[in-house]
Protein backbone atom coordinates (compact mmCIF):
# COMPACT_ATOMS: atom_id res chain seq x y z
CA THR A 1 113.65 91.90 117.80
CA MET A 2 110.61 92.51 115.41
CA THR A 3 106.89 91.15 116.15
CA ILE A 4 104.51 91.81 113.14
CA HIS A 5 100.76 91.59 114.43
CA SER A 6 99.30 91.40 110.82
CA GLU A 7 95.67 91.28 111.84
CA GLU A 8 96.23 94.33 114.06
CA HIS A 9 98.49 96.35 111.33
CA ILE A 10 101.01 96.83 114.44
CA VAL A 11 104.96 96.22 114.24
CA ASP A 12 106.62 96.01 117.62
CA VAL A 13 110.51 96.52 117.27
CA HIS A 14 112.68 96.04 120.38
CA VAL A 15 116.34 97.02 120.41
CA ARG A 16 118.33 96.02 123.38
CA SER A 17 121.65 97.69 123.19
CA GLY A 18 122.69 99.17 126.63
CA VAL A 19 122.19 102.80 126.65
CA TYR A 20 120.93 102.79 123.04
CA SER A 21 117.98 100.55 123.99
CA SER A 22 114.47 101.57 122.45
CA ASP A 23 111.15 100.22 121.76
CA THR A 24 109.34 101.40 118.56
CA ILE A 25 105.72 100.66 117.60
CA PHE A 26 104.60 101.22 113.70
CA ASP A 27 100.80 101.61 113.97
CA TYR A 28 99.66 101.30 110.33
CA THR A 29 95.88 101.75 111.46
CA HIS A 30 96.53 105.09 112.97
CA GLY A 31 99.43 106.18 110.75
CA TYR A 32 102.17 106.77 113.27
CA ILE A 33 105.42 105.55 114.45
CA ALA A 34 106.38 105.90 118.20
CA THR A 35 109.98 105.38 119.59
CA ARG A 36 110.74 105.29 123.36
CA LEU A 37 114.36 105.96 123.78
CA PHE A 38 115.25 104.41 127.16
CA SER A 39 118.44 106.68 127.82
CA ARG A 40 116.31 109.91 127.06
CA ASN A 41 113.27 108.68 128.94
CA ALA A 42 111.22 110.19 126.15
CA CYS A 43 108.82 109.26 123.30
CA PHE A 44 109.12 110.52 119.60
CA ILE A 45 106.20 110.24 117.25
CA MET A 46 105.99 110.60 113.84
CA LYS A 47 103.58 110.47 110.97
CA ILE A 48 103.93 107.37 108.58
CA LYS A 49 104.73 108.71 105.16
CA LYS A 50 103.73 105.96 102.65
CA GLU A 51 106.69 107.33 100.21
CA LEU A 52 109.27 106.96 102.72
CA ILE A 53 108.07 104.02 105.21
CA PRO A 54 107.77 100.61 103.92
CA GLU A 55 104.31 98.85 103.80
CA LEU A 56 103.31 96.35 106.60
CA ARG A 57 103.75 93.19 104.46
CA GLU A 58 107.15 94.81 103.05
CA LEU A 59 108.50 95.41 106.39
CA GLY A 60 108.50 91.75 107.34
CA HIS A 61 110.07 90.69 104.01
CA LEU A 62 112.88 93.36 104.68
CA ALA A 63 113.32 92.04 108.26
CA PHE A 64 113.81 88.37 106.84
CA GLU A 65 116.23 89.47 104.10
CA ARG A 66 118.19 91.48 106.87
CA GLN A 67 118.55 88.46 109.07
CA THR A 68 119.43 86.03 106.38
CA MET A 69 121.65 88.18 104.44
CA LYS A 70 124.03 90.23 106.76
CA ASP A 71 125.41 92.39 104.09
CA MET A 72 121.87 93.12 102.34
CA TYR A 73 121.80 96.31 100.37
CA SER A 74 118.17 97.63 100.12
CA PRO A 75 117.02 101.21 98.92
CA ASN A 76 114.24 100.79 101.64
CA ASN A 77 116.48 101.16 104.66
CA VAL A 78 114.33 103.37 107.11
CA TRP A 79 116.35 106.11 109.14
CA ALA A 80 114.83 108.94 111.24
CA LEU A 81 116.64 111.89 112.55
CA PHE A 82 114.67 113.39 115.60
CA GLN A 83 115.28 116.79 116.61
CA THR A 84 114.48 117.57 120.02
CA GLY A 85 112.10 120.75 120.57
CA ASN A 86 109.25 121.28 122.63
CA SER A 87 107.74 118.45 124.61
CA ARG A 88 104.50 117.75 126.26
CA LEU A 89 102.67 115.13 128.14
CA GLY A 90 99.81 113.33 126.08
CA HIS A 91 96.32 113.92 126.69
CA LEU A 92 93.19 112.07 125.90
CA LYS A 93 93.02 113.67 122.31
CA ASP A 94 96.39 112.56 121.65
CA TRP A 95 95.77 108.84 122.59
CA ILE A 96 92.59 108.90 120.32
CA LEU A 97 94.83 110.03 117.59
CA TYR A 98 97.80 107.89 118.18
CA GLY A 99 96.03 104.62 119.13
CA LYS A 100 96.23 102.30 122.35
CA GLN A 101 99.33 100.77 121.35
CA ILE A 102 101.45 104.05 121.26
CA GLU A 103 99.45 104.85 124.43
CA ASN A 104 100.79 102.28 126.33
CA LEU A 105 104.56 102.85 125.11
CA CYS A 106 104.21 106.53 125.90
CA THR A 107 102.09 107.34 128.76
CA GLY A 108 103.90 109.55 131.28
CA LEU A 109 106.73 110.37 129.08
CA PRO A 110 107.18 113.76 127.35
CA LEU A 111 106.15 113.38 123.75
CA TYR A 112 108.17 114.99 120.96
CA GLU A 113 106.56 115.09 117.52
């Protein structure tokens, strides 16, 4: 499921698929995406690159198209490959940078950037 909070510039994406379940937050105000993978008990954070990630208003449109046309082709499909490396727990300066929504998602989990 996807919930778009236009006034807060936040998108919540919840994937419920057994061991592949995850929660993702697109925080357009702070410019970061955070994904919490439940099977790995970890949080992956990446900077939003405007040339690769759809804008907030476009993301809702793409989600609607995807839902209504099952075999939709779009050059704007977003894929990310996370390579595990060194992790750390978040500190106050991280949460100021990433924002409250990502803090709520990732507090207490190892962070991978």
